[in-house]
Every structure is written in C-alpha cells, then in structure tokens.
Amino acid sequence: METTKLAKQMVGFQKSVFDNSFNAMCIVQEQTETMMTSFLTQLPWITADGKKTMDTSLAFSKKARTDIKKTMDDGYKNMDNLFDIK
C-alpha cells in the first residue's frame, strides 16, 4: 500500500533528523564537558568534593543521554514493526 510506504518514509525521515540532531547535541555537550573540566582543573580553590560533584553530574548527564537515545530508537523500531504488520 502506498499509504504505508509513505508513512514508513516519513518515520524514517524523522528518525534521521532525530539522529543527526542528537549527534550534534552530543558533540556540543562533550566539547562543553571538556572545556569545563579543563577550566576546573586550573582553579586552585575547587575542592576534591566539588570536582567529584561535577564528575557525578557529568556521568548522570551521559546516562540520561544514553537512556533517551535508547528510548527513541526503541520507539522508532516499534513504529517500523507496526507498519510491517499486515
């Protein structure tokens, strides 16, 4: 059916846009993390606890990004499976 094919193409396009946007966001966040880490290591008044807190925050951010990506990929996979059902 043409409608199903068109819907699959639209979902594929949306997935492609999401993937590209997500990858761009990850690059920006990783560069920001690198700059912030470099900046914090040069400040003598930042304590070990402060650095640990920042590291914990960065690890949480990475985990959240991974979880969001997995959830979106699962959603697109489920959508593809929905269109494959006849």
PDB file of N, CA and C in Angstrom:
ATOM      1  N   MET A   1       0.831  -1.186   0.000  1.00  0.00           N
ATOM      2  CA  MET A   1       0.000   0.000   0.000  1.00  0.00           C
ATOM      3  C   MET A   1       0.871   1.244   0.000  1.00  0.00           C
ATOM      4  N   GLU A   2       0.467   2.220  -0.775  1.00  0.00           N
ATOM      5  CA  GLU A   2       1.222   3.462  -0.881  1.00  0.00           C
ATOM      6  C   GLU A   2       1.191   4.260   0.414  1.00  0.00           C
ATOM      7  N   THR A   3       0.086   4.209   1.127  1.00  0.00           N
ATOM      8  CA  THR A   3      -0.025   4.963   2.374  1.00  0.00           C
ATOM      9  C   THR A   3       0.969   4.448   3.397  1.00  0.00           C
ATOM     10  N   THR A   4       1.083   3.141   3.494  1.00  0.00           N
ATOM     11  CA  THR A   4       2.020   2.543   4.443  1.00  0.00           C
ATOM     12  C   THR A   4       3.451   2.890   4.064  1.00  0.00           C
ATOM     13  N   LYS A   5       3.748   2.822   2.770  1.00  0.00           N
ATOM     14  CA  LYS A   5       5.099   3.143   2.302  1.00  0.00           C
ATOM     15  C   LYS A   5       5.424   4.607   2.593  1.00  0.00           C
ATOM     16  N   LEU A   6       4.489   5.489   2.361  1.00  0.00           N
ATOM     17  CA  LEU A   6       4.691   6.909   2.627  1.00  0.00           C
ATOM     18  C   LEU A   6       4.897   7.155   4.123  1.00  0.00           C
ATOM     19  N   ALA A   7       4.099   6.502   4.951  1.00  0.00           N
ATOM     20  CA  ALA A   7       4.231   6.663   6.401  1.00  0.00           C
ATOM     21  C   ALA A   7       5.589   6.158   6.880  1.00  0.00           C
ATOM     22  N   LYS A   8       6.048   5.025   6.338  1.00  0.00           N
ATOM     23  CA  LYS A   8       7.364   4.499   6.713  1.00  0.00           C
ATOM     24  C   LYS A   8       8.472   5.466   6.305  1.00  0.00           C
ATOM     25  N   GLN A   9       8.341   6.081   5.142  1.00  0.00           N
ATOM     26  CA  GLN A   9       9.342   7.046   4.700  1.00  0.00           C
ATOM     27  C   GLN A   9       9.359   8.274   5.601  1.00  0.00           C
ATOM     28  N   MET A  10       8.172   8.720   6.021  1.00  0.00           N
ATOM     29  CA  MET A  10       8.094   9.872   6.914  1.00  0.00           C
ATOM     30  C   MET A  10       8.743   9.561   8.258  1.00  0.00           C
ATOM     31  N   VAL A  11       8.472   8.388   8.791  1.00  0.00           N
ATOM     32  CA  VAL A  11       9.060   7.989  10.065  1.00  0.00           C
ATOM     33  C   VAL A  11      10.578   7.837   9.909  1.00  0.00           C
ATOM     34  N   GLY A  12      11.016   7.285   8.788  1.00  0.00           N
ATOM     35  CA  GLY A  12      12.449   7.166   8.527  1.00  0.00           C
ATOM     36  C   GLY A  12      13.128   8.523   8.466  1.00  0.00           C
ATOM     37  N   PHE A  13      12.454   9.484   7.829  1.00  0.00           N
ATOM     38  CA  PHE A  13      12.993  10.842   7.761  1.00  0.00           C
ATOM     39  C   PHE A  13      13.077  11.456   9.154  1.00  0.00           C
ATOM     40  N   GLN A  14      12.024  11.281   9.957  1.00  0.00           N
ATOM     41  CA  GLN A  14      12.027  11.820  11.314  1.00  0.00           C
ATOM     42  C   GLN A  14      13.140  11.188  12.154  1.00  0.00           C
ATOM     43  N   LYS A  15      13.354   9.887  11.971  1.00  0.00           N
ATOM     44  CA  LYS A  15      14.427   9.214  12.704  1.00  0.00           C
ATOM     45  C   LYS A  15      15.779   9.767  12.284  1.00  0.00           C
ATOM     46  N   SER A  16      15.950  10.000  11.007  1.00  0.00           N
ATOM     47  CA  SER A  16      17.207  10.554  10.504  1.00  0.00           C
ATOM     48  C   SER A  16      17.452  11.952  11.079  1.00  0.00           C
ATOM     49  N   VAL A  17      16.423  12.773  11.105  1.00  0.00           N
ATOM     50  CA  VAL A  17      16.537  14.118  11.673  1.00  0.00           C
ATOM     51  C   VAL A  17      16.877  14.031  13.160  1.00  0.00           C
ATOM     52  N   PHE A  18      16.195  13.139  13.875  1.00  0.00           N
ATOM     53  CA  PHE A  18      16.475  12.974  15.298  1.00  0.00           C
ATOM     54  C   PHE A  18      17.911  12.529  15.519  1.00  0.00           C
ATOM     55  N   ASP A  19      18.356  11.526  14.761  1.00  0.00           N
ATOM     56  CA  ASP A  19      19.721  11.013  14.931  1.00  0.00           C
ATOM     57  C   ASP A  19      20.756  12.104  14.680  1.00  0.00           C
ATOM     58  N   ASN A  20      20.584  12.858  13.618  1.00  0.00           N
ATOM     59  CA  ASN A  20      21.533  13.928  13.311  1.00  0.00           C
ATOM     60  C   ASN A  20      21.528  15.020  14.376  1.00  0.00           C
ATOM     61  N   SER A  21      20.350  15.407  14.818  1.00  0.00           N
ATOM     62  CA  SER A  21      20.241  16.432  15.859  1.00  0.00           C
ATOM     63  C   SER A  21      20.828  15.932  17.176  1.00  0.00           C
ATOM     64  N   PHE A  22      20.545  14.686  17.501  1.00  0.00           N
ATOM     65  CA  PHE A  22      21.049  14.105  18.734  1.00  0.00           C
ATOM     66  C   PHE A  22      22.571  14.035  18.711  1.00  0.00           C
ATOM     67  N   ASN A  23      23.135  13.618  17.584  1.00  0.00           N
ATOM     68  CA  ASN A  23      24.596  13.547  17.469  1.00  0.00           C
ATOM     69  C   ASN A  23      25.224  14.935  17.593  1.00  0.00           C
ATOM     70  N   ALA A  24      24.611  15.936  17.006  1.00  0.00           N
ATOM     71  CA  ALA A  24      25.123  17.303  17.122  1.00  0.00           C
ATOM     72  C   ALA A  24      25.072  17.771  18.574  1.00  0.00           C
ATOM     73  N   MET A  25      23.972  17.469  19.251  1.00  0.00           N
ATOM     74  CA  MET A  25      23.840  17.841  20.655  1.00  0.00           C
ATOM     75  C   MET A  25      24.909  17.148  21.502  1.00  0.00           C
ATOM     76  N   CYS A  26      25.175  15.876  21.217  1.00  0.00           N
ATOM     77  CA  CYS A  26      26.195  15.136  21.961  1.00  0.00           C
ATOM     78  C   CYS A  26      27.572  15.754  21.767  1.00  0.00           C
ATOM     79  N   ILE A  27      27.876  16.155  20.541  1.00  0.00           N
ATOM     80  CA  ILE A  27      29.168  16.773  20.272  1.00  0.00           C
ATOM     81  C   ILE A  27      29.310  18.072  21.063  1.00  0.00           C
ATOM     82  N   VAL A  28      28.272  18.885  21.074  1.00  0.00           N
ATOM     83  CA  VAL A  28      28.314  20.148  21.821  1.00  0.00           C
ATOM     84  C   VAL A  28      28.485  19.876  23.310  1.00  0.00           C
ATOM     85  N   GLN A  29      27.739  18.909  23.841  1.00  0.00           N
ATOM     86  CA  GLN A  29      27.846  18.602  25.266  1.00  0.00           C
ATOM     87  C   GLN A  29      29.228  18.054  25.619  1.00  0.00           C
ATOM     88  N   GLU A  30      29.798  17.232  24.768  1.00  0.00           N
ATOM     89  CA  GLU A  30      31.121  16.684  25.040  1.00  0.00           C
ATOM     90  C   GLU A  30      32.188  17.782  25.002  1.00  0.00           C
ATOM     91  N   GLN A  31      32.069  18.710  24.053  1.00  0.00           N
ATOM     92  CA  GLN A  31      33.016  19.823  23.994  1.00  0.00           C
ATOM     93  C   GLN A  31      32.877  20.721  25.222  1.00  0.00           C
ATOM     94  N   THR A  32      31.646  20.963  25.652  1.00  0.00           N
ATOM     95  CA  THR A  32      31.405  21.761  26.842  1.00  0.00           C
ATOM     96  C   THR A  32      32.000  21.072  28.064  1.00  0.00           C
ATOM     97  N   GLU A  33      31.811  19.765  28.156  1.00  0.00           N
ATOM     98  CA  GLU A  33      32.379  18.998  29.264  1.00  0.00           C
ATOM     99  C   GLU A  33      33.905  19.104  29.270  1.00  0.00           C
ATOM    100  N   THR A  34      34.521  18.992  28.113  1.00  0.00           N
ATOM    101  CA  THR A  34      35.977  19.087  28.017  1.00  0.00           C
ATOM    102  C   THR A  34      36.464  20.463  28.455  1.00  0.00           C
ATOM    103  N   MET A  35      35.795  21.514  27.986  1.00  0.00           N
ATOM    104  CA  MET A  35      36.190  22.869  28.374  1.00  0.00           C
ATOM    105  C   MET A  35      35.991  23.098  29.862  1.00  0.00           C
ATOM    106  N   MET A  36      34.874  22.633  30.403  1.00  0.00           N
ATOM    107  CA  MET A  36      34.592  22.828  31.821  1.00  0.00           C
ATOM    108  C   MET A  36      35.593  22.066  32.684  1.00  0.00           C
ATOM    109  N   THR A  37      35.909  20.846  32.305  1.00  0.00           N
ATOM    110  CA  THR A  37      36.870  20.053  33.060  1.00  0.00           C
ATOM    111  C   THR A  37      38.242  20.720  33.034  1.00  0.00           C
ATOM    112  N   SER A  38      38.630  21.201  31.877  1.00  0.00           N
ATOM    113  CA  SER A  38      39.909  21.903  31.747  1.00  0.00           C
ATOM    114  C   SER A  38      39.928  23.155  32.617  1.00  0.00           C
ATOM    115  N   PHE A  39      38.853  23.888  32.606  1.00  0.00           N
ATOM    116  CA  PHE A  39      38.745  25.105  33.404  1.00  0.00           C
ATOM    117  C   PHE A  39      38.806  24.787  34.889  1.00  0.00           C
ATOM    118  N   LEU A  40      38.085  23.762  35.322  1.00  0.00           N
ATOM    119  CA  LEU A  40      38.033  23.428  36.746  1.00  0.00           C
ATOM    120  C   LEU A  40      39.368  22.899  37.276  1.00  0.00           C
ATOM    121  N   THR A  41      40.121  22.207  36.433  1.00  0.00           N
ATOM    122  CA  THR A  41      41.406  21.691  36.901  1.00  0.00           C
ATOM    123  C   THR A  41      42.412  22.816  37.124  1.00  0.00           C
ATOM    124  N   GLN A  42      42.190  23.964  36.503  1.00  0.00           N
ATOM    125  CA  GLN A  42      43.109  25.089  36.657  1.00  0.00           C
ATOM    126  C   GLN A  42      42.767  25.981  37.850  1.00  0.00           C
ATOM    127  N   LEU A  43      41.613  25.770  38.455  1.00  0.00           N
ATOM    128  CA  LEU A  43      41.217  26.600  39.589  1.00  0.00           C
ATOM    129  C   LEU A  43      41.689  25.959  40.892  1.00  0.00           C
ATOM    130  N   PRO A  44      42.528  26.652  41.630  1.00  0.00           N
ATOM    131  CA  PRO A  44      43.068  26.044  42.851  1.00  0.00           C
ATOM    132  C   PRO A  44      42.059  25.943  43.997  1.00  0.00           C
ATOM    133  N   TRP A  45      41.004  26.736  43.968  1.00  0.00           N
ATOM    134  CA  TRP A  45      40.061  26.723  45.081  1.00  0.00           C
ATOM    135  C   TRP A  45      38.933  25.700  44.925  1.00  0.00           C
ATOM    136  N   ILE A  46      38.909  24.975  43.843  1.00  0.00           N
ATOM    137  CA  ILE A  46      37.915  23.907  43.680  1.00  0.00           C
ATOM    138  C   ILE A  46      38.390  22.695  44.488  1.00  0.00           C
ATOM    139  N   THR A  47      37.561  22.261  45.395  1.00  0.00           N
ATOM    140  CA  THR A  47      37.933  21.140  46.259  1.00  0.00           C
ATOM    141  C   THR A  47      37.694  19.813  45.556  1.00  0.00           C
ATOM    142  N   ALA A  48      38.208  18.758  46.158  1.00  0.00           N
ATOM    143  CA  ALA A  48      38.015  17.414  45.618  1.00  0.00           C
ATOM    144  C   ALA A  48      36.531  17.054  45.609  1.00  0.00           C
ATOM    145  N   ASP A  49      35.806  17.494  46.650  1.00  0.00           N
ATOM    146  CA  ASP A  49      34.361  17.229  46.695  1.00  0.00           C
ATOM    147  C   ASP A  49      33.635  17.955  45.555  1.00  0.00           C
ATOM    148  N   GLY A  50      34.066  19.162  45.254  1.00  0.00           N
ATOM    149  CA  GLY A  50      33.461  19.906  44.146  1.00  0.00           C
ATOM    150  C   GLY A  50      33.710  19.219  42.816  1.00  0.00           C
ATOM    151  N   LYS A  51      34.930  18.736  42.620  1.00  0.00           N
ATOM    152  CA  LYS A  51      35.244  18.019  41.389  1.00  0.00           C
ATOM    153  C   LYS A  51      34.459  16.712  41.306  1.00  0.00           C
ATOM    154  N   LYS A  52      34.318  16.054  42.448  1.00  0.00           N
ATOM    155  CA  LYS A  52      33.554  14.798  42.474  1.00  0.00           C
ATOM    156  C   LYS A  52      32.089  15.066  42.123  1.00  0.00           C
ATOM    157  N   THR A  53      31.550  16.153  42.645  1.00  0.00           N
ATOM    158  CA  THR A  53      30.166  16.515  42.345  1.00  0.00           C
ATOM    159  C   THR A  53      29.986  16.788  40.853  1.00  0.00           C
ATOM    160  N   MET A  54      30.920  17.489  40.261  1.00  0.00           N
ATOM    161  CA  MET A  54      30.850  17.765  38.825  1.00  0.00           C
ATOM    162  C   MET A  54      30.966  16.475  38.018  1.00  0.00           C
ATOM    163  N   ASP A  55      31.868  15.585  38.421  1.00  0.00           N
ATOM    164  CA  ASP A  55      32.013  14.308  37.719  1.00  0.00           C
ATOM    165  C   ASP A  55      30.733  13.484  37.809  1.00  0.00           C
ATOM    166  N   THR A  56      30.096  13.498  38.981  1.00  0.00           N
ATOM    167  CA  THR A  56      28.836  12.789  39.165  1.00  0.00           C
ATOM    168  C   THR A  56      27.752  13.383  38.270  1.00  0.00           C
ATOM    169  N   SER A  57      27.720  14.700  38.193  1.00  0.00           N
ATOM    170  CA  SER A  57      26.738  15.379  37.348  1.00  0.00           C
ATOM    171  C   SER A  57      26.957  15.042  35.877  1.00  0.00           C
ATOM    172  N   LEU A  58      28.199  15.024  35.442  1.00  0.00           N
ATOM    173  CA  LEU A  58      28.509  14.693  34.054  1.00  0.00           C
ATOM    174  C   LEU A  58      28.164  13.240  33.738  1.00  0.00           C
ATOM    175  N   ALA A  59      28.428  12.348  34.673  1.00  0.00           N
ATOM    176  CA  ALA A  59      28.083  10.939  34.467  1.00  0.00           C
ATOM    177  C   ALA A  59      26.568  10.771  34.369  1.00  0.00           C
ATOM    178  N   PHE A  60      25.829  11.503  35.201  1.00  0.00           N
ATOM    179  CA  PHE A  60      24.369  11.454  35.140  1.00  0.00           C
ATOM    180  C   PHE A  60      23.864  11.955  33.793  1.00  0.00           C
ATOM    181  N   SER A  61      24.477  13.030  33.300  1.00  0.00           N
ATOM    182  CA  SER A  61      24.089  13.590  32.008  1.00  0.00           C
ATOM    183  C   SER A  61      24.333  12.590  30.877  1.00  0.00           C
ATOM    184  N   LYS A  62      25.470  11.916  30.906  1.00  0.00           N
ATOM    185  CA  LYS A  62      25.776  10.915  29.881  1.00  0.00           C
ATOM    186  C   LYS A  62      24.789   9.755  29.931  1.00  0.00           C
ATOM    187  N   LYS A  63      24.450   9.317  31.148  1.00  0.00           N
ATOM    188  CA  LYS A  63      23.498   8.211  31.294  1.00  0.00           C
ATOM    189  C   LYS A  63      22.118   8.629  30.781  1.00  0.00           C
ATOM    190  N   ALA A  64      21.715   9.846  31.097  1.00  0.00           N
ATOM    191  CA  ALA A  64      20.419  10.341  30.621  1.00  0.00           C
ATOM    192  C   ALA A  64      20.391  10.410  29.093  1.00  0.00           C
ATOM    193  N   ARG A  65      21.485  10.870  28.480  1.00  0.00           N
ATOM    194  CA  ARG A  65      21.553  10.907  27.020  1.00  0.00           C
ATOM    195  C   ARG A  65      21.434   9.516  26.431  1.00  0.00           C
ATOM    196  N   THR A  66      22.133   8.567  27.032  1.00  0.00           N
ATOM    197  CA  THR A  66      22.081   7.184  26.553  1.00  0.00           C
ATOM    198  C   THR A  66      20.676   6.620  26.681  1.00  0.00           C
ATOM    199  N   ASP A  67      20.024   6.892  27.808  1.00  0.00           N
ATOM    200  CA  ASP A  67      18.657   6.396  28.022  1.00  0.00           C
ATOM    201  C   ASP A  67      17.676   7.007  27.029  1.00  0.00           C
ATOM    202  N   ILE A  68      17.818   8.299  26.771  1.00  0.00           N
ATOM    203  CA  ILE A  68      16.925   8.959  25.813  1.00  0.00           C
ATOM    204  C   ILE A  68      17.105   8.378  24.422  1.00  0.00           C
ATOM    205  N   LYS A  69      18.363   8.194  24.027  1.00  0.00           N
ATOM    206  CA  LYS A  69      18.652   7.634  22.695  1.00  0.00           C
ATOM    207  C   LYS A  69      18.062   6.233  22.564  1.00  0.00           C
ATOM    208  N   LYS A  70      18.226   5.408  23.602  1.00  0.00           N
ATOM    209  CA  LYS A  70      17.699   4.039  23.569  1.00  0.00           C
ATOM    210  C   LYS A  70      16.175   4.056  23.478  1.00  0.00           C
ATOM    211  N   THR A  71      15.539   4.925  24.246  1.00  0.00           N
ATOM    212  CA  THR A  71      14.080   5.022  24.227  1.00  0.00           C
ATOM    213  C   THR A  71      13.573   5.448  22.845  1.00  0.00           C
ATOM    214  N   MET A  72      14.216   6.428  22.257  1.00  0.00           N
ATOM    215  CA  MET A  72      13.799   6.886  20.931  1.00  0.00           C
ATOM    216  C   MET A  72      14.034   5.806  19.880  1.00  0.00           C
ATOM    217  N   ASP A  73      15.172   5.130  19.934  1.00  0.00           N
ATOM    218  CA  ASP A  73      15.444   4.054  18.976  1.00  0.00           C
ATOM    219  C   ASP A  73      14.422   2.932  19.103  1.00  0.00           C
ATOM    220  N   ASP A  74      14.063   2.597  20.350  1.00  0.00           N
ATOM    221  CA  ASP A  74      13.035   1.571  20.560  1.00  0.00           C
ATOM    222  C   ASP A  74      11.691   2.018  19.996  1.00  0.00           C
ATOM    223  N   GLY A  75      11.364   3.292  20.177  1.00  0.00           N
ATOM    224  CA  GLY A  75      10.112   3.818  19.640  1.00  0.00           C
ATOM    225  C   GLY A  75      10.061   3.761  18.120  1.00  0.00           C
ATOM    226  N   TYR A  76      11.160   4.138  17.474  1.00  0.00           N
ATOM    227  CA  TYR A  76      11.196   4.069  16.009  1.00  0.00           C
ATOM    228  C   TYR A  76      11.153   2.618  15.527  1.00  0.00           C
ATOM    229  N   LYS A  77      11.800   1.739  16.266  1.00  0.00           N
ATOM    230  CA  LYS A  77      11.758   0.316  15.901  1.00  0.00           C
ATOM    231  C   LYS A  77      10.333  -0.224  16.023  1.00  0.00           C
ATOM    232  N   ASN A  78       9.632   0.140  17.096  1.00  0.00           N
ATOM    233  CA  ASN A  78       8.253  -0.282  17.278  1.00  0.00           C
ATOM    234  C   ASN A  78       7.351   0.290  16.179  1.00  0.00           C
ATOM    235  N   MET A  79       7.630   1.518  15.778  1.00  0.00           N
ATOM    236  CA  MET A  79       6.835   2.127  14.711  1.00  0.00           C
ATOM    237  C   MET A  79       7.046   1.369  13.401  1.00  0.00           C
ATOM    238  N   ASP A  80       8.283   1.000  13.101  1.00  0.00           N
ATOM    239  CA  ASP A  80       8.565   0.208  11.901  1.00  0.00           C
ATOM    240  C   ASP A  80       7.846  -1.119  11.955  1.00  0.00           C
ATOM    241  N   ASN A  81       7.883  -1.757  13.118  1.00  0.00           N
ATOM    242  CA  ASN A  81       7.187  -3.040  13.270  1.00  0.00           C
ATOM    243  C   ASN A  81       5.679  -2.883  13.085  1.00  0.00           C
ATOM    244  N   LEU A  82       5.147  -1.772  13.520  1.00  0.00           N
ATOM    245  CA  LEU A  82       3.714  -1.517  13.371  1.00  0.00           C
ATOM    246  C   LEU A  82       3.337  -1.431  11.897  1.00  0.00           C
ATOM    247  N   PHE A  83       4.171  -0.794  11.103  1.00  0.00           N
ATOM    248  CA  PHE A  83       3.896  -0.685   9.669  1.00  0.00           C
ATOM    249  C   PHE A  83       4.092  -1.998   8.931  1.00  0.00           C
ATOM    250  N   ASP A  84       4.919  -2.888   9.494  1.00  0.00           N
ATOM    251  CA  ASP A  84       5.176  -4.179   8.835  1.00  0.00           C
ATOM    252  C   ASP A  84       4.035  -5.158   9.057  1.00  0.00           C
ATOM    253  N   ILE A  85       3.198  -4.920  10.064  1.00  0.00           N
ATOM    254  CA  ILE A  85       2.052  -5.814  10.330  1.00  0.00           C
ATOM    255  C   ILE A  85       1.031  -5.632   9.216  1.00  0.00           C
ATOM    256  N   LYS A  86       0.578  -6.749   8.699  1.00  0.00           N
ATOM    257  CA  LYS A  86      -0.392  -6.672   7.588  1.00  0.00           C
ATOM    258  C   LYS A  86      -1.738  -7.166   8.007  1.00  0.00           C
TER     259      LYS A  86
END
